[in-house]
Amino acid sequence: MGVVCRTAALEAKLAEEGLTDAQREELVKAHREMERQVMRTARKRVSAADFESLAVIGRGAFGEVGGAGVGPQGIRA
């Protein structure tokens, strides 16, 4: 579900409920902040430093293959 779909769903929900303009603006503001956080997380580049190396499975001409675990930021491999 994309940003446009989620925004349209929020607008439809707000139209159904009898909210004041202030309440509606507060909900839209919260929605925009959530979307900003989602997009920031989606754009984050993941590198080898984000993971904890557990074991080397094999070595080849182009590098090593290894098992990785949860890194310091809580990313799971």
PDB file of N, CA and C in Angstrom:
ATOM      1  N   MET A   1       0.861  -1.166   0.000  1.00  0.00           N
ATOM      2  CA  MET A   1       0.000   0.000   0.000  1.00  0.00           C
ATOM      3  C   MET A   1       0.906   1.227   0.000  1.00  0.00           C
ATOM      4  N   GLY A   2       0.734   2.094  -0.965  1.00  0.00           N
ATOM      5  CA  GLY A   2       1.578   3.256  -1.100  1.00  0.00           C
ATOM      6  C   GLY A   2       1.109   4.437  -0.276  1.00  0.00           C
ATOM      7  N   VAL A   3       1.926   5.483  -0.330  1.00  0.00           N
ATOM      8  CA  VAL A   3       1.621   6.702   0.417  1.00  0.00           C
ATOM      9  C   VAL A   3       0.294   7.285  -0.041  1.00  0.00           C
ATOM     10  N   VAL A   4       0.060   7.298  -1.345  1.00  0.00           N
ATOM     11  CA  VAL A   4      -1.173   7.871  -1.884  1.00  0.00           C
ATOM     12  C   VAL A   4      -2.386   7.091  -1.383  1.00  0.00           C
ATOM     13  N   CYS A   5      -2.289   5.761  -1.361  1.00  0.00           N
ATOM     14  CA  CYS A   5      -3.407   4.934  -0.889  1.00  0.00           C
ATOM     15  C   CYS A   5      -3.681   5.167   0.597  1.00  0.00           C
ATOM     16  N   ARG A   6      -2.601   5.242   1.382  1.00  0.00           N
ATOM     17  CA  ARG A   6      -2.791   5.459   2.819  1.00  0.00           C
ATOM     18  C   ARG A   6      -3.372   6.840   3.093  1.00  0.00           C
ATOM     19  N   THR A   7      -2.944   7.837   2.342  1.00  0.00           N
ATOM     20  CA  THR A   7      -3.473   9.190   2.520  1.00  0.00           C
ATOM     21  C   THR A   7      -4.943   9.251   2.114  1.00  0.00           C
ATOM     22  N   ALA A   8      -5.285   8.589   1.006  1.00  0.00           N
ATOM     23  CA  ALA A   8      -6.681   8.563   0.560  1.00  0.00           C
ATOM     24  C   ALA A   8      -7.561   7.844   1.585  1.00  0.00           C
ATOM     25  N   ALA A   9      -7.048   6.772   2.169  1.00  0.00           N
ATOM     26  CA  ALA A   9      -7.805   6.040   3.186  1.00  0.00           C
ATOM     27  C   ALA A   9      -8.027   6.912   4.421  1.00  0.00           C
ATOM     28  N   LEU A  10      -7.014   7.675   4.804  1.00  0.00           N
ATOM     29  CA  LEU A  10      -7.159   8.569   5.956  1.00  0.00           C
ATOM     30  C   LEU A  10      -8.194   9.652   5.665  1.00  0.00           C
ATOM     31  N   GLU A  11      -8.140  10.232   4.481  1.00  0.00           N
ATOM     32  CA  GLU A  11      -9.089  11.277   4.125  1.00  0.00           C
ATOM     33  C   GLU A  11     -10.521  10.740   4.099  1.00  0.00           C
ATOM     34  N   ALA A  12     -10.709   9.515   3.602  1.00  0.00           N
ATOM     35  CA  ALA A  12     -12.043   8.910   3.591  1.00  0.00           C
ATOM     36  C   ALA A  12     -12.539   8.678   5.013  1.00  0.00           C
ATOM     37  N   LYS A  13     -11.644   8.220   5.883  1.00  0.00           N
ATOM     38  CA  LYS A  13     -12.017   7.969   7.275  1.00  0.00           C
ATOM     39  C   LYS A  13     -12.386   9.280   7.971  1.00  0.00           C
ATOM     40  N   LEU A  14     -11.608  10.323   7.703  1.00  0.00           N
ATOM     41  CA  LEU A  14     -11.887  11.611   8.331  1.00  0.00           C
ATOM     42  C   LEU A  14     -13.189  12.216   7.830  1.00  0.00           C
ATOM     43  N   ALA A  15     -13.537  11.955   6.573  1.00  0.00           N
ATOM     44  CA  ALA A  15     -14.787  12.477   6.018  1.00  0.00           C
ATOM     45  C   ALA A  15     -15.993  11.800   6.671  1.00  0.00           C
ATOM     46  N   GLU A  16     -15.849  10.516   7.020  1.00  0.00           N
ATOM     47  CA  GLU A  16     -16.947   9.774   7.641  1.00  0.00           C
ATOM     48  C   GLU A  16     -17.212  10.242   9.066  1.00  0.00           C
ATOM     49  N   GLU A  17     -16.145  10.506   9.805  1.00  0.00           N
ATOM     50  CA  GLU A  17     -16.287  10.888  11.204  1.00  0.00           C
ATOM     51  C   GLU A  17     -16.620  12.370  11.305  1.00  0.00           C
ATOM     52  N   GLY A  18     -17.367  12.711  12.289  1.00  0.00           N
ATOM     53  CA  GLY A  18     -17.729  14.116  12.497  1.00  0.00           C
ATOM     54  C   GLY A  18     -16.697  14.821  13.348  1.00  0.00           C
ATOM     55  N   LEU A  19     -15.555  15.132  12.775  1.00  0.00           N
ATOM     56  CA  LEU A  19     -14.475  15.764  13.521  1.00  0.00           C
ATOM     57  C   LEU A  19     -14.435  17.263  13.238  1.00  0.00           C
ATOM     58  N   THR A  20     -13.934  17.985  14.207  1.00  0.00           N
ATOM     59  CA  THR A  20     -13.729  19.414  13.991  1.00  0.00           C
ATOM     60  C   THR A  20     -12.490  19.601  13.122  1.00  0.00           C
ATOM     61  N   ASP A  21     -12.335  20.811  12.602  1.00  0.00           N
ATOM     62  CA  ASP A  21     -11.171  21.096  11.760  1.00  0.00           C
ATOM     63  C   ASP A  21      -9.867  20.919  12.531  1.00  0.00           C
ATOM     64  N   ALA A  22      -9.852  21.311  13.795  1.00  0.00           N
ATOM     65  CA  ALA A  22      -8.642  21.179  14.612  1.00  0.00           C
ATOM     66  C   ALA A  22      -8.278  19.708  14.809  1.00  0.00           C
ATOM     67  N   GLN A  23      -9.276  18.877  15.079  1.00  0.00           N
ATOM     68  CA  GLN A  23      -9.021  17.445  15.260  1.00  0.00           C
ATOM     69  C   GLN A  23      -8.535  16.822  13.956  1.00  0.00           C
ATOM     70  N   ARG A  24      -9.151  17.215  12.864  1.00  0.00           N
ATOM     71  CA  ARG A  24      -8.765  16.695  11.557  1.00  0.00           C
ATOM     72  C   ARG A  24      -7.315  17.076  11.234  1.00  0.00           C
ATOM     73  N   GLU A  25      -6.952  18.331  11.488  1.00  0.00           N
ATOM     74  CA  GLU A  25      -5.581  18.791  11.225  1.00  0.00           C
ATOM     75  C   GLU A  25      -4.572  18.037  12.089  1.00  0.00           C
ATOM     76  N   GLU A  26      -4.937  17.761  13.337  1.00  0.00           N
ATOM     77  CA  GLU A  26      -4.044  17.021  14.241  1.00  0.00           C
ATOM     78  C   GLU A  26      -3.805  15.606  13.722  1.00  0.00           C
ATOM     79  N   LEU A  27      -4.860  14.949  13.257  1.00  0.00           N
ATOM     80  CA  LEU A  27      -4.718  13.597  12.719  1.00  0.00           C
ATOM     81  C   LEU A  27      -3.899  13.588  11.423  1.00  0.00           C
ATOM     82  N   VAL A  28      -4.112  14.582  10.573  1.00  0.00           N
ATOM     83  CA  VAL A  28      -3.337  14.665   9.332  1.00  0.00           C
ATOM     84  C   VAL A  28      -1.873  14.926   9.643  1.00  0.00           C
ATOM     85  N   LYS A  29      -1.608  15.771  10.622  1.00  0.00           N
ATOM     86  CA  LYS A  29      -0.228  16.060  11.027  1.00  0.00           C
ATOM     87  C   LYS A  29       0.461  14.800  11.552  1.00  0.00           C
ATOM     88  N   ALA A  30      -0.252  14.026  12.379  1.00  0.00           N
ATOM     89  CA  ALA A  30       0.304  12.770  12.900  1.00  0.00           C
ATOM     90  C   ALA A  30       0.556  11.778  11.767  1.00  0.00           C
ATOM     91  N   HIS A  31      -0.355  11.746  10.793  1.00  0.00           N
ATOM     92  CA  HIS A  31      -0.198  10.853   9.647  1.00  0.00           C
ATOM     93  C   HIS A  31       1.034  11.234   8.826  1.00  0.00           C
ATOM     94  N   ARG A  32       1.225  12.524   8.586  1.00  0.00           N
ATOM     95  CA  ARG A  32       2.394  12.976   7.827  1.00  0.00           C
ATOM     96  C   ARG A  32       3.696  12.637   8.541  1.00  0.00           C
ATOM     97  N   GLU A  33       3.718  12.779   9.854  1.00  0.00           N
ATOM     98  CA  GLU A  33       4.923  12.443  10.629  1.00  0.00           C
ATOM     99  C   GLU A  33       5.219  10.948  10.528  1.00  0.00           C
ATOM    100  N   MET A  34       4.163  10.121  10.611  1.00  0.00           N
ATOM    101  CA  MET A  34       4.361   8.682  10.480  1.00  0.00           C
ATOM    102  C   MET A  34       4.903   8.338   9.089  1.00  0.00           C
ATOM    103  N   GLU A  35       4.344   8.953   8.051  1.00  0.00           N
ATOM    104  CA  GLU A  35       4.819   8.714   6.686  1.00  0.00           C
ATOM    105  C   GLU A  35       6.274   9.140   6.533  1.00  0.00           C
ATOM    106  N   ARG A  36       6.647  10.248   7.162  1.00  0.00           N
ATOM    107  CA  ARG A  36       8.031  10.715   7.098  1.00  0.00           C
ATOM    108  C   ARG A  36       8.981   9.696   7.720  1.00  0.00           C
ATOM    109  N   GLN A  37       8.571   9.128   8.860  1.00  0.00           N
ATOM    110  CA  GLN A  37       9.397   8.114   9.516  1.00  0.00           C
ATOM    111  C   GLN A  37       9.508   6.844   8.667  1.00  0.00           C
ATOM    112  N   VAL A  38       8.398   6.434   8.045  1.00  0.00           N
ATOM    113  CA  VAL A  38       8.407   5.241   7.192  1.00  0.00           C
ATOM    114  C   VAL A  38       9.338   5.449   6.013  1.00  0.00           C
ATOM    115  N   MET A  39       9.251   6.606   5.378  1.00  0.00           N
ATOM    116  CA  MET A  39      10.099   6.885   4.221  1.00  0.00           C
ATOM    117  C   MET A  39      11.568   6.982   4.619  1.00  0.00           C
ATOM    118  N   ARG A  40      11.850   7.559   5.775  1.00  0.00           N
ATOM    119  CA  ARG A  40      13.233   7.650   6.251  1.00  0.00           C
ATOM    120  C   ARG A  40      13.803   6.253   6.476  1.00  0.00           C
ATOM    121  N   THR A  41      13.024   5.376   7.068  1.00  0.00           N
ATOM    122  CA  THR A  41      13.471   4.007   7.310  1.00  0.00           C
ATOM    123  C   THR A  41      13.673   3.264   5.993  1.00  0.00           C
ATOM    124  N   ALA A  42      12.781   3.473   5.028  1.00  0.00           N
ATOM    125  CA  ALA A  42      12.883   2.797   3.739  1.00  0.00           C
ATOM    126  C   ALA A  42      14.111   3.245   2.955  1.00  0.00           C
ATOM    127  N   ARG A  43      14.541   4.487   3.129  1.00  0.00           N
ATOM    128  CA  ARG A  43      15.697   5.006   2.393  1.00  0.00           C
ATOM    129  C   ARG A  43      17.025   4.651   3.037  1.00  0.00           C
ATOM    130  N   LYS A  44      17.019   4.146   4.263  1.00  0.00           N
ATOM    131  CA  LYS A  44      18.264   3.854   4.973  1.00  0.00           C
ATOM    132  C   LYS A  44      19.034   2.755   4.257  1.00  0.00           C
ATOM    133  N   ARG A  45      20.296   3.025   4.011  1.00  0.00           N
ATOM    134  CA  ARG A  45      21.153   2.026   3.392  1.00  0.00           C
ATOM    135  C   ARG A  45      21.655   1.058   4.466  1.00  0.00           C
ATOM    136  N   VAL A  46      21.669  -0.206   4.125  1.00  0.00           N
ATOM    137  CA  VAL A  46      22.142  -1.239   5.035  1.00  0.00           C
ATOM    138  C   VAL A  46      23.533  -1.661   4.582  1.00  0.00           C
ATOM    139  N   SER A  47      24.461  -1.723   5.529  1.00  0.00           N
ATOM    140  CA  SER A  47      25.825  -2.144   5.207  1.00  0.00           C
ATOM    141  C   SER A  47      26.221  -3.315   6.096  1.00  0.00           C
ATOM    142  N   ALA A  48      27.381  -3.866   5.822  1.00  0.00           N
ATOM    143  CA  ALA A  48      27.878  -5.000   6.607  1.00  0.00           C
ATOM    144  C   ALA A  48      28.080  -4.605   8.068  1.00  0.00           C
ATOM    145  N   ALA A  49      28.343  -3.329   8.325  1.00  0.00           N
ATOM    146  CA  ALA A  49      28.559  -2.866   9.697  1.00  0.00           C
ATOM    147  C   ALA A  49      27.280  -2.930  10.531  1.00  0.00           C
ATOM    148  N   ASP A  50      26.127  -3.040   9.883  1.00  0.00           N
ATOM    149  CA  ASP A  50      24.854  -3.112  10.597  1.00  0.00           C
ATOM    150  C   ASP A  50      24.578  -4.499  11.176  1.00  0.00           C
ATOM    151  N   PHE A  51      25.409  -5.478  10.853  1.00  0.00           N
ATOM    152  CA  PHE A  51      25.190  -6.857  11.280  1.00  0.00           C
ATOM    153  C   PHE A  51      26.365  -7.375  12.084  1.00  0.00           C
ATOM    154  N   GLU A  52      26.091  -8.385  12.870  1.00  0.00           N
ATOM    155  CA  GLU A  52      27.122  -9.060  13.652  1.00  0.00           C
ATOM    156  C   GLU A  52      27.467 -10.356  12.931  1.00  0.00           C
ATOM    157  N   SER A  53      28.733 -10.525  12.559  1.00  0.00           N
ATOM    158  CA  SER A  53      29.166 -11.723  11.854  1.00  0.00           C
ATOM    159  C   SER A  53      29.196 -12.906  12.817  1.00  0.00           C
ATOM    160  N   LEU A  54      28.533 -14.005  12.424  1.00  0.00           N
ATOM    161  CA  LEU A  54      28.484 -15.188  13.283  1.00  0.00           C
ATOM    162  C   LEU A  54      29.509 -16.237  12.851  1.00  0.00           C
ATOM    163  N   ALA A  55      29.585 -16.501  11.548  1.00  0.00           N
ATOM    164  CA  ALA A  55      30.522 -17.512  11.066  1.00  0.00           C
ATOM    165  C   ALA A  55      30.732 -17.323   9.568  1.00  0.00           C
ATOM    166  N   VAL A  56      31.929 -17.692   9.095  1.00  0.00           N
ATOM    167  CA  VAL A  56      32.220 -17.668   7.667  1.00  0.00           C
ATOM    168  C   VAL A  56      31.817 -19.023   7.105  1.00  0.00           C
ATOM    169  N   ILE A  57      30.942 -19.010   6.115  1.00  0.00           N
ATOM    170  CA  ILE A  57      30.452 -20.246   5.518  1.00  0.00           C
ATOM    171  C   ILE A  57      31.373 -20.698   4.390  1.00  0.00           C
ATOM    172  N   GLY A  58      31.866 -19.746   3.615  1.00  0.00           N
ATOM    173  CA  GLY A  58      32.751 -20.104   2.518  1.00  0.00           C
ATOM    174  C   GLY A  58      33.509 -18.900   2.006  1.00  0.00           C
ATOM    175  N   ARG A  59      34.603 -19.184   1.267  1.00  0.00           N
ATOM    176  CA  ARG A  59      35.401 -18.124   0.670  1.00  0.00           C
ATOM    177  C   ARG A  59      35.502 -18.381  -0.818  1.00  0.00           C
ATOM    178  N   GLY A  60      35.470 -17.299  -1.582  1.00  0.00           N
ATOM    179  CA  GLY A  60      35.570 -17.428  -3.030  1.00  0.00           C
ATOM    180  C   GLY A  60      36.365 -16.279  -3.613  1.00  0.00           C
ATOM    181  N   ALA A  61      36.390 -16.210  -4.929  1.00  0.00           N
ATOM    182  CA  ALA A  61      37.160 -15.190  -5.627  1.00  0.00           C
ATOM    183  C   ALA A  61      36.620 -13.780  -5.363  1.00  0.00           C
ATOM    184  N   PHE A  62      35.341 -13.662  -5.069  1.00  0.00           N
ATOM    185  CA  PHE A  62      34.737 -12.348  -4.887  1.00  0.00           C
ATOM    186  C   PHE A  62      34.491 -11.994  -3.429  1.00  0.00           C
ATOM    187  N   GLY A  63      34.936 -12.808  -2.505  1.00  0.00           N
ATOM    188  CA  GLY A  63      34.773 -12.478  -1.096  1.00  0.00           C
ATOM    189  C   GLY A  63      34.311 -13.652  -0.275  1.00  0.00           C
ATOM    190  N   GLU A  64      33.792 -13.345   0.882  1.00  0.00           N
ATOM    191  CA  GLU A  64      33.356 -14.366   1.828  1.00  0.00           C
ATOM    192  C   GLU A  64      31.831 -14.415   1.904  1.00  0.00           C
ATOM    193  N   VAL A  65      31.335 -15.603   2.212  1.00  0.00           N
ATOM    194  CA  VAL A  65      29.918 -15.788   2.494  1.00  0.00           C
ATOM    195  C   VAL A  65      29.837 -16.162   3.964  1.00  0.00           C
ATOM    196  N   GLY A  66      28.998 -15.436   4.685  1.00  0.00           N
ATOM    197  CA  GLY A  66      28.927 -15.702   6.108  1.00  0.00           C
ATOM    198  C   GLY A  66      27.534 -15.587   6.649  1.00  0.00           C
ATOM    199  N   GLY A  67      27.361 -16.118   7.831  1.00  0.00           N
ATOM    200  CA  GLY A  67      26.097 -15.986   8.538  1.00  0.00           C
ATOM    201  C   GLY A  67      26.147 -14.733   9.387  1.00  0.00           C
ATOM    202  N   ALA A  68      25.041 -14.055   9.471  1.00  0.00           N
ATOM    203  CA  ALA A  68      24.991 -12.820  10.245  1.00  0.00           C
ATOM    204  C   ALA A  68      23.810 -12.846  11.196  1.00  0.00           C
ATOM    205  N   GLY A  69      23.941 -12.104  12.268  1.00  0.00           N
ATOM    206  CA  GLY A  69      22.874 -12.013  13.258  1.00  0.00           C
ATOM    207  C   GLY A  69      22.429 -10.583  13.434  1.00  0.00           C
ATOM    208  N   VAL A  70      21.695 -10.353  14.485  1.00  0.00           N
ATOM    209  CA  VAL A  70      21.171  -9.022  14.775  1.00  0.00           C
ATOM    210  C   VAL A  70      22.324  -8.099  15.075  1.00  0.00           C
ATOM    211  N   GLY A  71      22.296  -6.932  14.447  1.00  0.00           N
ATOM    212  CA  GLY A  71      23.332  -5.937  14.670  1.00  0.00           C
ATOM    213  C   GLY A  71      22.959  -4.987  15.790  1.00  0.00           C
ATOM    214  N   PRO A  72      23.750  -3.959  15.980  1.00  0.00           N
ATOM    215  CA  PRO A  72      23.492  -3.018  17.062  1.00  0.00           C
ATOM    216  C   PRO A  72      22.193  -2.235  16.910  1.00  0.00           C
ATOM    217  N   GLN A  73      21.722  -2.022  15.669  1.00  0.00           N
ATOM    218  CA  GLN A  73      20.477  -1.283  15.470  1.00  0.00           C
ATOM    219  C   GLN A  73      19.262  -2.198  15.489  1.00  0.00           C
ATOM    220  N   GLY A  74      19.446  -3.494  15.687  1.00  0.00           N
ATOM    221  CA  GLY A  74      18.320  -4.413  15.755  1.00  0.00           C
ATOM    222  C   GLY A  74      17.856  -4.923  14.404  1.00  0.00           C
ATOM    223  N   ILE A  75      18.683  -4.799  13.380  1.00  0.00           N
ATOM    224  CA  ILE A  75      18.323  -5.282  12.046  1.00  0.00           C
ATOM    225  C   ILE A  75      18.576  -6.784  12.008  1.00  0.00           C
ATOM    226  N   ARG A  76      17.639  -7.531  11.455  1.00  0.00           N
ATOM    227  CA  ARG A  76      17.805  -8.970  11.345  1.00  0.00           C
ATOM    228  C   ARG A  76      18.189  -9.334   9.932  1.00  0.00           C
ATOM    229  N   ALA A  77      19.139 -10.259   9.807  1.00  0.00           N
ATOM    230  CA  ALA A  77      19.590 -10.711   8.488  1.00  0.00           C
ATOM    231  C   ALA A  77      18.789 -11.922   8.051  1.00  0.00           C
TER     232      ALA A  77
END
